[in-house]
Amino acid sequence: MSNDKPAAPHKSREEEKTKTERLLYVATLMAEGKFVRGETCAQLAEQWGVATGTVENYAADASRLARLVEAPAARMRLAKALDRGLAVVEG
């Protein structure tokens, strides 16, 4: 019997890109005040064809990111930076 653990599955570049795009999208919604707790995750999960918990994880990460920036002007700069980041990921 071997003590070797099976290799953890690696996410493809496309899967990572999709995750990044979705996290940036949720963060942008939050920064713009368009994220509605208890509603947006379910709507996005249905739209994206993933579990609500998956989108809730994106939202948790996005919320941590948004909390780094408290001032409204800084949040708008963050939203613009996220848009630029999303453009780079898509491009």
Protein backbone atom coordinates (compact mmCIF):
# COMPACT_ATOMS: atom_id res chain seq x y z
CA MET A 1 0.00 0.00 0.00
CA SER A 2 1.37 3.39 -0.99
CA ASN A 3 1.25 6.49 1.17
CA ASP A 4 1.24 8.68 -1.91
CA LYS A 5 -1.73 11.00 -2.03
CA PRO A 6 -3.45 11.45 -5.36
CA ALA A 7 -2.58 14.69 -7.06
CA ALA A 8 -5.07 17.46 -6.49
CA PRO A 9 -6.99 18.28 -9.64
CA HIS A 10 -5.69 21.40 -11.30
CA LYS A 11 -8.09 24.00 -12.54
CA SER A 12 -7.71 24.80 -16.17
CA ARG A 13 -6.70 28.27 -17.23
CA GLU A 14 -10.24 28.77 -18.55
CA GLU A 15 -11.77 27.80 -15.18
CA GLU A 16 -9.48 30.24 -13.36
CA LYS A 17 -10.31 32.97 -15.88
CA THR A 18 -14.04 32.38 -15.37
CA LYS A 19 -13.65 32.48 -11.58
CA THR A 20 -11.68 35.72 -11.79
CA GLU A 21 -14.21 37.31 -14.14
CA ARG A 22 -17.09 36.37 -11.86
CA LEU A 23 -15.34 37.58 -8.72
CA LEU A 24 -14.54 40.89 -10.42
CA TYR A 25 -18.14 41.18 -11.61
CA VAL A 26 -19.51 40.64 -8.09
CA ALA A 27 -16.95 43.08 -6.65
CA THR A 28 -18.00 45.68 -9.23
CA LEU A 29 -21.68 45.20 -8.34
CA MET A 30 -20.79 45.73 -4.68
CA ALA A 31 -18.66 48.79 -5.37
CA GLU A 32 -21.50 50.32 -7.39
CA GLY A 33 -24.08 49.52 -4.70
CA LYS A 34 -25.97 47.13 -6.99
CA PHE A 35 -25.41 43.95 -4.98
CA VAL A 36 -28.49 42.92 -2.95
CA ARG A 37 -27.72 40.51 -0.15
CA GLY A 38 -29.94 37.43 -0.29
CA GLU A 39 -30.95 38.03 -3.92
CA THR A 40 -27.98 38.66 -6.16
CA CYS A 41 -26.18 35.39 -5.43
CA ALA A 42 -29.24 33.31 -6.32
CA GLN A 43 -29.81 35.30 -9.50
CA LEU A 44 -26.19 35.01 -10.61
CA ALA A 45 -26.05 31.31 -9.72
CA GLU A 46 -29.02 30.64 -11.96
CA GLN A 47 -27.58 32.81 -14.73
CA TRP A 48 -24.15 31.17 -14.56
CA GLY A 49 -25.42 27.63 -13.96
CA VAL A 50 -23.53 27.13 -10.71
CA ALA A 51 -24.50 26.50 -7.10
CA THR A 52 -25.61 29.46 -5.02
CA GLY A 53 -22.82 28.59 -2.56
CA THR A 54 -20.26 29.09 -5.32
CA VAL A 55 -21.49 32.63 -5.92
CA GLU A 56 -21.64 33.23 -2.17
CA ASN A 57 -17.93 32.34 -2.06
CA TYR A 58 -17.25 34.87 -4.83
CA ALA A 59 -19.26 37.42 -2.86
CA ALA A 60 -17.30 36.73 0.33
CA ASP A 61 -14.02 37.26 -1.52
CA ALA A 62 -15.38 40.38 -3.21
CA SER A 63 -16.60 41.73 0.12
CA ARG A 64 -13.15 41.30 1.65
CA LEU A 65 -11.71 43.17 -1.30
CA ALA A 66 -14.29 45.96 -1.00
CA ARG A 67 -13.65 46.37 2.74
CA LEU A 68 -10.07 47.30 1.94
CA VAL A 69 -11.44 50.51 0.50
CA GLU A 70 -13.79 52.49 2.76
CA ALA A 71 -14.18 55.95 1.19
CA PRO A 72 -16.80 56.32 -1.58
CA ALA A 73 -14.28 57.94 -3.95
CA ALA A 74 -11.85 55.11 -3.32
CA ARG A 75 -14.62 52.59 -3.99
CA MET A 76 -15.28 54.19 -7.36
CA ARG A 77 -11.57 54.01 -8.16
CA LEU A 78 -11.70 50.35 -7.17
CA ALA A 79 -14.71 49.79 -9.45
CA LYS A 80 -12.84 51.41 -12.35
CA ALA A 81 -9.73 49.35 -11.61
CA LEU A 82 -11.86 46.20 -11.50
CA ASP A 83 -13.35 47.12 -14.86
CA ARG A 84 -9.85 47.53 -16.28
CA GLY A 85 -8.81 44.21 -14.70
CA LEU A 86 -11.83 42.49 -16.19
CA ALA A 87 -10.98 43.95 -19.60
CA VAL A 88 -7.47 42.51 -19.30
CA VAL A 89 -8.82 39.07 -18.29
CA GLU A 90 -11.29 39.11 -21.18
CA GLY A 91 -8.78 40.49 -23.66
